[in-house]
């Protein structure tokens, strides 16, 4: 990739699963988010699931405050692909967005289960956009640093 190539993505979507914070071997915070994005309009409107990998303080913030169904927005995320050996020894290619240094990710709105705005209840369950469920598993990938995400 040359220095003039631009690889950044902006988007919004709703969380389909609770974020879980992990630490890499060298102590960096990271989380993977399953995000439902609405694309199209009218009768052509549908839901597309994507994966966001979020690093650092942003990952810590989302794991502490975000819940299923909350709307998030991101800017300057890098589009990435990763390949790994899947079930039955078939090569699997995963597409995702990575939010690291230079990226912004914001918690836009939080859903509440009642009129009192019970934002602290982590036991909430919400139907996902268009009734679709998030993928069963976010694939475990490996970056070039030798640790699994």
N, C-alpha and C. Protein backbone atom coordinates (compact mmCIF):
# COMPACT_ATOMS: atom_id res chain seq x y z
N UNK A 1 0.84 -1.17 0.00
CA UNK A 1 0.00 0.00 0.00
C UNK A 1 0.89 1.23 0.00
N UNK A 2 0.62 2.17 -0.88
CA UNK A 2 1.45 3.37 -0.95
C UNK A 2 1.02 4.39 0.10
N UNK A 3 1.83 5.41 0.28
CA UNK A 3 1.54 6.43 1.27
C UNK A 3 0.30 7.25 0.91
N UNK A 4 -0.10 7.23 -0.36
CA UNK A 4 -1.25 8.02 -0.77
C UNK A 4 -2.57 7.27 -0.64
N UNK A 5 -2.53 5.96 -0.37
CA UNK A 5 -3.75 5.19 -0.19
C UNK A 5 -4.43 5.56 1.12
N UNK A 6 -5.74 5.64 1.09
CA UNK A 6 -6.50 5.96 2.29
C UNK A 6 -7.37 4.76 2.64
N UNK A 7 -7.31 4.32 3.88
CA UNK A 7 -8.08 3.18 4.35
C UNK A 7 -8.77 3.59 5.64
N UNK A 8 -9.95 4.17 5.53
CA UNK A 8 -10.68 4.52 6.75
C UNK A 8 -12.17 4.36 6.50
N UNK A 9 -12.90 4.08 7.57
CA UNK A 9 -14.33 3.82 7.49
C UNK A 9 -15.03 4.55 8.62
N UNK A 10 -16.22 5.06 8.33
CA UNK A 10 -17.08 5.67 9.33
C UNK A 10 -18.40 4.91 9.30
N UNK A 11 -19.03 4.73 10.45
CA UNK A 11 -20.31 4.04 10.46
C UNK A 11 -21.01 4.15 11.79
N UNK A 12 -22.26 3.68 11.79
CA UNK A 12 -23.03 3.58 13.02
C UNK A 12 -23.71 2.22 13.03
N UNK A 13 -24.00 1.74 14.22
CA UNK A 13 -24.70 0.47 14.35
C UNK A 13 -25.03 0.18 15.80
N UNK A 14 -25.79 -0.87 16.00
CA UNK A 14 -26.20 -1.27 17.35
C UNK A 14 -25.44 -2.53 17.77
N UNK A 15 -25.05 -2.56 19.06
CA UNK A 15 -24.32 -3.71 19.58
C UNK A 15 -25.23 -4.93 19.64
N UNK A 16 -24.74 -6.06 19.16
CA UNK A 16 -25.52 -7.29 19.17
C UNK A 16 -25.15 -8.21 20.32
N UNK A 17 -23.99 -7.99 20.93
CA UNK A 17 -23.52 -8.79 22.06
C UNK A 17 -22.84 -7.86 23.05
N UNK A 18 -22.79 -8.31 24.30
CA UNK A 18 -22.09 -7.53 25.32
C UNK A 18 -20.59 -7.55 25.01
N UNK A 19 -19.93 -6.38 25.06
CA UNK A 19 -18.48 -6.36 24.85
C UNK A 19 -17.75 -7.00 26.02
N UNK A 20 -16.69 -7.73 25.71
CA UNK A 20 -15.87 -8.39 26.74
C UNK A 20 -14.43 -7.92 26.59
N UNK A 21 -13.89 -7.37 27.66
CA UNK A 21 -12.53 -6.85 27.65
C UNK A 21 -11.52 -7.98 27.80
N UNK A 22 -10.47 -7.93 26.98
CA UNK A 22 -9.35 -8.87 27.08
C UNK A 22 -8.05 -8.07 27.14
N UNK A 23 -7.02 -8.70 27.62
CA UNK A 23 -5.70 -8.10 27.65
C UNK A 23 -4.77 -8.95 26.79
N UNK A 24 -3.93 -8.30 25.99
CA UNK A 24 -2.94 -9.03 25.21
C UNK A 24 -1.78 -9.41 26.13
N UNK A 25 -0.86 -10.18 25.61
CA UNK A 25 0.29 -10.61 26.40
C UNK A 25 1.12 -9.42 26.89
N UNK A 26 1.13 -8.33 26.13
CA UNK A 26 1.89 -7.15 26.56
C UNK A 26 1.03 -6.11 27.27
N UNK A 27 -0.19 -6.50 27.71
CA UNK A 27 -1.02 -5.66 28.57
C UNK A 27 -1.95 -4.67 27.88
N UNK A 28 -2.10 -4.75 26.57
CA UNK A 28 -3.01 -3.83 25.87
C UNK A 28 -4.44 -4.33 25.97
N UNK A 29 -5.38 -3.40 26.18
CA UNK A 29 -6.81 -3.73 26.26
C UNK A 29 -7.38 -3.84 24.85
N UNK A 30 -8.27 -4.83 24.65
CA UNK A 30 -8.90 -5.02 23.35
C UNK A 30 -10.26 -5.68 23.54
N UNK A 31 -11.21 -5.35 22.66
CA UNK A 31 -12.50 -6.01 22.64
C UNK A 31 -12.97 -6.13 21.20
N UNK A 32 -13.76 -7.16 20.91
CA UNK A 32 -14.38 -7.34 19.60
C UNK A 32 -15.87 -7.09 19.76
N UNK A 33 -16.43 -6.29 18.87
CA UNK A 33 -17.84 -5.94 18.93
C UNK A 33 -18.57 -6.53 17.72
N UNK A 34 -19.73 -7.12 17.95
CA UNK A 34 -20.63 -7.53 16.88
C UNK A 34 -21.62 -6.39 16.72
N UNK A 35 -21.62 -5.74 15.54
CA UNK A 35 -22.42 -4.54 15.32
C UNK A 35 -23.37 -4.76 14.15
N UNK A 36 -24.65 -4.44 14.37
CA UNK A 36 -25.67 -4.52 13.33
C UNK A 36 -25.82 -3.15 12.68
N UNK A 37 -25.54 -3.09 11.37
CA UNK A 37 -25.69 -1.84 10.63
C UNK A 37 -26.90 -1.97 9.71
N UNK A 38 -27.70 -0.93 9.64
CA UNK A 38 -28.84 -0.90 8.73
C UNK A 38 -28.38 -0.28 7.42
N UNK A 39 -28.63 -0.98 6.31
CA UNK A 39 -28.25 -0.47 4.99
C UNK A 39 -29.49 -0.41 4.11
N UNK A 40 -29.46 0.48 3.14
CA UNK A 40 -30.59 0.63 2.23
C UNK A 40 -31.70 1.47 2.83
N UNK A 41 -32.82 1.52 2.12
CA UNK A 41 -33.97 2.28 2.58
C UNK A 41 -35.24 1.64 2.07
N UNK A 42 -36.35 1.98 2.70
CA UNK A 42 -37.65 1.46 2.28
C UNK A 42 -37.70 -0.05 2.28
N UNK A 43 -38.24 -0.63 1.22
CA UNK A 43 -38.35 -2.09 1.10
C UNK A 43 -37.01 -2.76 0.93
N UNK A 44 -35.99 -2.01 0.55
CA UNK A 44 -34.65 -2.57 0.34
C UNK A 44 -33.77 -2.47 1.58
N UNK A 45 -34.34 -2.07 2.69
CA UNK A 45 -33.59 -1.93 3.93
C UNK A 45 -33.30 -3.30 4.51
N UNK A 46 -32.07 -3.50 4.97
CA UNK A 46 -31.69 -4.77 5.58
C UNK A 46 -30.62 -4.52 6.64
N UNK A 47 -30.30 -5.57 7.37
CA UNK A 47 -29.29 -5.50 8.42
C UNK A 47 -28.05 -6.26 7.97
N UNK A 48 -26.89 -5.65 8.18
CA UNK A 48 -25.61 -6.27 7.87
C UNK A 48 -24.81 -6.32 9.16
N UNK A 49 -24.27 -7.48 9.49
CA UNK A 49 -23.45 -7.62 10.70
C UNK A 49 -22.00 -7.41 10.35
N UNK A 50 -21.31 -6.68 11.19
CA UNK A 50 -19.88 -6.49 11.01
C UNK A 50 -19.19 -6.62 12.36
N UNK A 51 -17.89 -6.78 12.31
CA UNK A 51 -17.09 -6.91 13.52
C UNK A 51 -16.18 -5.69 13.62
N UNK A 52 -16.10 -5.10 14.80
CA UNK A 52 -15.16 -4.03 15.10
C UNK A 52 -14.22 -4.52 16.17
N UNK A 53 -12.93 -4.34 15.96
CA UNK A 53 -11.94 -4.61 16.99
C UNK A 53 -11.49 -3.26 17.53
N UNK A 54 -11.68 -3.05 18.83
CA UNK A 54 -11.40 -1.76 19.46
C UNK A 54 -10.27 -1.94 20.48
N UNK A 55 -9.31 -1.02 20.46
CA UNK A 55 -8.12 -1.11 21.31
C UNK A 55 -8.08 0.02 22.34
N UNK A 56 -7.33 -0.21 23.40
CA UNK A 56 -6.97 0.82 24.37
C UNK A 56 -8.11 1.30 25.24
N UNK A 57 -8.05 2.61 25.58
CA UNK A 57 -9.04 3.22 26.48
C UNK A 57 -10.45 3.13 25.91
N UNK A 58 -10.59 3.19 24.59
CA UNK A 58 -11.91 3.06 23.97
C UNK A 58 -12.51 1.70 24.27
N UNK A 59 -11.72 0.65 24.22
CA UNK A 59 -12.19 -0.70 24.54
C UNK A 59 -12.62 -0.77 26.00
N UNK A 60 -11.82 -0.20 26.89
CA UNK A 60 -12.15 -0.21 28.31
C UNK A 60 -13.46 0.54 28.57
N UNK A 61 -13.63 1.71 27.94
CA UNK A 61 -14.84 2.50 28.10
C UNK A 61 -16.08 1.73 27.64
N UNK A 62 -16.02 1.14 26.44
CA UNK A 62 -17.17 0.41 25.91
C UNK A 62 -17.53 -0.79 26.77
N UNK A 63 -16.53 -1.49 27.27
CA UNK A 63 -16.81 -2.66 28.11
C UNK A 63 -17.45 -2.27 29.43
N UNK A 64 -17.17 -1.08 29.90
CA UNK A 64 -17.74 -0.62 31.16
C UNK A 64 -19.15 -0.05 31.00
N UNK A 65 -19.41 0.67 29.90
CA UNK A 65 -20.66 1.42 29.78
C UNK A 65 -21.64 0.93 28.71
N UNK A 66 -21.18 0.21 27.71
CA UNK A 66 -22.06 -0.18 26.60
C UNK A 66 -22.77 -1.50 26.87
N UNK A 67 -23.99 -1.61 26.35
CA UNK A 67 -24.81 -2.82 26.49
C UNK A 67 -25.40 -3.20 25.14
N UNK A 68 -25.97 -4.38 25.08
CA UNK A 68 -26.64 -4.86 23.88
C UNK A 68 -27.73 -3.87 23.48
N UNK A 69 -27.78 -3.53 22.20
CA UNK A 69 -28.80 -2.62 21.69
C UNK A 69 -28.37 -1.17 21.65
N UNK A 70 -27.27 -0.81 22.30
CA UNK A 70 -26.81 0.57 22.29
C UNK A 70 -26.28 0.96 20.91
N UNK A 71 -26.50 2.21 20.54
CA UNK A 71 -26.04 2.74 19.26
C UNK A 71 -24.64 3.31 19.43
N UNK A 72 -23.73 2.89 18.56
CA UNK A 72 -22.36 3.41 18.58
C UNK A 72 -22.03 3.98 17.21
N UNK A 73 -21.07 4.88 17.18
CA UNK A 73 -20.57 5.46 15.93
C UNK A 73 -19.05 5.41 15.96
N UNK A 74 -18.45 5.20 14.80
CA UNK A 74 -16.99 5.15 14.72
C UNK A 74 -16.52 5.93 13.50
N UNK A 75 -15.30 6.47 13.61
CA UNK A 75 -14.65 7.20 12.53
C UNK A 75 -13.21 6.75 12.41
N UNK A 76 -12.70 6.79 11.21
CA UNK A 76 -11.30 6.48 10.92
C UNK A 76 -10.90 5.07 11.32
N UNK A 77 -11.83 4.13 11.23
CA UNK A 77 -11.49 2.73 11.48
C UNK A 77 -10.87 2.15 10.22
N UNK A 78 -9.89 1.30 10.38
CA UNK A 78 -9.23 0.68 9.23
C UNK A 78 -9.93 -0.62 8.86
N UNK A 79 -10.18 -0.80 7.57
CA UNK A 79 -10.74 -2.04 7.06
C UNK A 79 -9.63 -3.08 7.03
N UNK A 80 -9.89 -4.26 7.58
CA UNK A 80 -8.89 -5.33 7.65
C UNK A 80 -9.48 -6.65 7.19
N UNK A 81 -8.62 -7.52 6.75
CA UNK A 81 -9.00 -8.91 6.47
C UNK A 81 -7.97 -9.80 7.14
N UNK A 82 -8.41 -10.96 7.54
CA UNK A 82 -7.54 -11.93 8.19
C UNK A 82 -7.92 -13.32 7.70
N UNK A 83 -6.98 -14.18 7.54
CA UNK A 83 -7.25 -15.55 7.12
C UNK A 83 -6.76 -16.51 8.18
N UNK A 84 -7.53 -17.58 8.40
CA UNK A 84 -7.12 -18.61 9.34
C UNK A 84 -7.75 -19.92 8.93
N UNK A 85 -7.22 -21.01 9.48
CA UNK A 85 -7.74 -22.33 9.18
C UNK A 85 -8.97 -22.59 10.04
N UNK A 86 -10.10 -22.83 9.41
CA UNK A 86 -11.35 -23.04 10.11
C UNK A 86 -11.67 -24.52 10.26
N UNK A 87 -12.97 -24.78 10.47
CA UNK A 87 -13.44 -26.16 10.62
C UNK A 87 -13.19 -26.93 9.33
N UNK A 88 -12.97 -28.20 9.47
CA UNK A 88 -12.74 -29.10 8.34
C UNK A 88 -11.57 -28.63 7.49
N UNK A 89 -10.58 -28.00 8.11
CA UNK A 89 -9.36 -27.55 7.44
C UNK A 89 -9.62 -26.69 6.21
N UNK A 90 -10.65 -25.83 6.30
CA UNK A 90 -10.93 -24.89 5.22
C UNK A 90 -10.44 -23.51 5.62
N UNK A 91 -9.82 -22.81 4.67
CA UNK A 91 -9.33 -21.47 4.93
C UNK A 91 -10.53 -20.52 5.02
N UNK A 92 -10.57 -19.73 6.10
CA UNK A 92 -11.66 -18.77 6.34
C UNK A 92 -11.08 -17.37 6.27
N UNK A 93 -11.76 -16.49 5.55
CA UNK A 93 -11.34 -15.10 5.45
C UNK A 93 -12.34 -14.25 6.22
N UNK A 94 -11.85 -13.43 7.14
CA UNK A 94 -12.69 -12.58 7.98
C UNK A 94 -12.45 -11.12 7.61
N UNK A 95 -13.54 -10.37 7.45
CA UNK A 95 -13.48 -8.94 7.18
C UNK A 95 -13.94 -8.22 8.44
N UNK A 96 -13.21 -7.18 8.84
CA UNK A 96 -13.58 -6.45 10.04
C UNK A 96 -12.99 -5.05 9.99
N UNK A 97 -13.36 -4.21 10.95
CA UNK A 97 -12.83 -2.87 11.07
C UNK A 97 -12.07 -2.78 12.38
N UNK A 98 -10.93 -2.08 12.35
CA UNK A 98 -10.10 -1.95 13.54
C UNK A 98 -10.04 -0.49 13.98
N UNK A 99 -10.40 -0.24 15.24
CA UNK A 99 -10.36 1.10 15.83
C UNK A 99 -9.17 1.14 16.78
N UNK A 100 -8.13 1.86 16.38
CA UNK A 100 -6.94 1.97 17.23
C UNK A 100 -6.54 3.44 17.29
N UNK A 101 -5.27 3.73 17.42
CA UNK A 101 -4.79 5.12 17.49
C UNK A 101 -5.32 5.89 16.29
N UNK A 102 -5.87 7.06 16.52
CA UNK A 102 -6.38 7.90 15.44
C UNK A 102 -7.84 7.65 15.12
N UNK A 103 -8.41 6.59 15.66
CA UNK A 103 -9.83 6.30 15.44
C UNK A 103 -10.65 6.91 16.57
N UNK A 104 -11.90 7.19 16.27
CA UNK A 104 -12.83 7.65 17.30
C UNK A 104 -14.01 6.69 17.34
N UNK A 105 -14.43 6.36 18.54
CA UNK A 105 -15.63 5.54 18.70
C UNK A 105 -16.44 6.14 19.84
N UNK A 106 -17.73 6.33 19.60
CA UNK A 106 -18.59 7.01 20.57
C UNK A 106 -19.83 6.20 20.86
N UNK A 107 -20.26 6.24 22.11
CA UNK A 107 -21.52 5.66 22.52
C UNK A 107 -22.58 6.74 22.31
N UNK A 108 -23.44 6.56 21.30
CA UNK A 108 -24.39 7.60 20.90
C UNK A 108 -25.64 7.58 21.78
N UNK A 109 -26.25 6.42 21.93
CA UNK A 109 -27.46 6.34 22.76
C UNK A 109 -27.53 4.98 23.42
N UNK A 110 -28.11 4.97 24.60
CA UNK A 110 -28.29 3.74 25.35
C UNK A 110 -29.76 3.42 25.43
N UNK A 111 -30.11 2.16 25.26
CA UNK A 111 -31.50 1.73 25.41
C UNK A 111 -31.79 1.52 26.88
N UNK A 112 -33.04 1.68 27.27
CA UNK A 112 -33.44 1.36 28.64
C UNK A 112 -34.65 0.44 28.59
N UNK A 113 -34.84 -0.35 29.64
CA UNK A 113 -35.92 -1.34 29.66
C UNK A 113 -37.21 -0.78 30.19
N UNK A 114 -37.17 0.39 30.83
CA UNK A 114 -38.39 0.98 31.36
C UNK A 114 -38.34 2.49 31.23
N UNK A 115 -39.39 3.15 31.62
CA UNK A 115 -39.46 4.60 31.49
C UNK A 115 -38.55 5.33 32.47
N UNK A 116 -38.03 4.64 33.46
CA UNK A 116 -37.18 5.27 34.46
C UNK A 116 -35.74 5.38 33.98
N UNK A 117 -35.42 4.81 32.81
CA UNK A 117 -34.06 4.92 32.27
C UNK A 117 -33.04 4.15 33.07
N UNK A 118 -33.29 2.90 33.37
CA UNK A 118 -32.41 2.07 34.17
C UNK A 118 -31.15 1.72 33.38
N UNK A 119 -30.23 2.68 33.27
CA UNK A 119 -29.02 2.48 32.46
C UNK A 119 -28.02 1.54 33.13
N UNK A 120 -28.16 1.25 34.40
CA UNK A 120 -27.19 0.41 35.09
C UNK A 120 -27.51 -1.06 35.08
N UNK A 121 -28.60 -1.49 34.48
CA UNK A 121 -28.99 -2.89 34.50
C UNK A 121 -28.29 -3.65 33.39
N UNK A 122 -27.32 -4.50 33.73
CA UNK A 122 -26.57 -5.24 32.72
C UNK A 122 -27.26 -6.54 32.32
N UNK A 123 -28.38 -6.89 32.94
CA UNK A 123 -29.09 -8.12 32.62
C UNK A 123 -30.11 -7.93 31.49
N UNK A 124 -30.11 -6.77 30.87
CA UNK A 124 -31.09 -6.46 29.84
C UNK A 124 -30.89 -7.34 28.61
N UNK A 125 -31.99 -7.64 27.94
CA UNK A 125 -31.94 -8.34 26.67
C UNK A 125 -32.78 -7.56 25.68
N UNK A 126 -32.27 -7.39 24.48
CA UNK A 126 -32.98 -6.64 23.45
C UNK A 126 -33.05 -7.47 22.19
N UNK A 127 -34.13 -7.35 21.45
CA UNK A 127 -34.14 -7.95 20.13
C UNK A 127 -33.16 -7.18 19.25
N UNK A 128 -32.49 -7.86 18.35
CA UNK A 128 -31.55 -7.18 17.48
C UNK A 128 -32.29 -6.61 16.28
N UNK A 129 -31.61 -5.76 15.54
CA UNK A 129 -32.20 -5.07 14.41
C UNK A 129 -32.79 -6.07 13.41
N UNK A 130 -33.99 -5.81 12.93
CA UNK A 130 -34.70 -6.64 11.95
C UNK A 130 -34.90 -8.07 12.42
N UNK A 131 -34.80 -8.35 13.71
CA UNK A 131 -35.01 -9.69 14.23
C UNK A 131 -33.86 -10.64 13.96
N UNK A 132 -32.78 -10.17 13.34
CA UNK A 132 -31.64 -11.04 13.08
C UNK A 132 -30.77 -11.13 14.32
N UNK A 133 -30.19 -12.27 14.51
CA UNK A 133 -29.28 -12.48 15.64
C UNK A 133 -27.85 -12.26 15.17
N UNK A 134 -26.95 -11.83 16.08
CA UNK A 134 -25.55 -11.69 15.69
C UNK A 134 -24.95 -13.06 15.40
N UNK A 135 -23.86 -13.11 14.68
CA UNK A 135 -23.21 -14.39 14.41
C UNK A 135 -22.90 -15.11 15.71
N UNK A 136 -22.99 -16.45 15.70
CA UNK A 136 -22.74 -17.23 16.91
C UNK A 136 -21.37 -16.96 17.49
N UNK A 137 -20.38 -16.87 16.64
CA UNK A 137 -19.03 -16.65 17.12
C UNK A 137 -18.37 -15.58 16.30
N UNK A 138 -17.60 -14.73 16.96
CA UNK A 138 -16.70 -13.87 16.24
C UNK A 138 -15.41 -14.67 16.12
N UNK A 139 -14.96 -14.93 14.91
CA UNK A 139 -13.80 -15.82 14.75
C UNK A 139 -12.59 -15.32 15.50
N UNK A 140 -11.83 -16.24 16.03
CA UNK A 140 -10.57 -15.91 16.68
C UNK A 140 -9.57 -15.67 15.56
N UNK A 141 -8.95 -14.53 15.59
CA UNK A 141 -7.99 -14.20 14.54
C UNK A 141 -6.63 -13.98 15.17
N UNK A 142 -5.65 -13.90 14.34
CA UNK A 142 -4.30 -13.68 14.82
C UNK A 142 -3.71 -12.54 14.03
N UNK A 143 -3.13 -11.57 14.72
CA UNK A 143 -2.43 -10.53 13.97
C UNK A 143 -0.97 -10.90 13.86
N UNK A 144 -0.19 -10.07 13.20
CA UNK A 144 1.20 -10.38 12.95
C UNK A 144 2.08 -10.38 14.18
N UNK A 145 1.56 -10.01 15.37
CA UNK A 145 2.38 -9.95 16.58
C UNK A 145 2.44 -11.26 17.34
N UNK A 146 1.76 -12.30 16.83
CA UNK A 146 1.88 -13.61 17.44
C UNK A 146 0.89 -13.92 18.54
N UNK A 147 -0.06 -13.05 18.84
CA UNK A 147 -1.04 -13.37 19.86
C UNK A 147 -2.42 -13.43 19.24
N UNK A 148 -3.29 -14.22 19.86
CA UNK A 148 -4.65 -14.37 19.34
C UNK A 148 -5.55 -13.32 19.94
N UNK A 149 -6.47 -12.87 19.13
CA UNK A 149 -7.46 -11.90 19.59
C UNK A 149 -8.75 -12.60 19.85
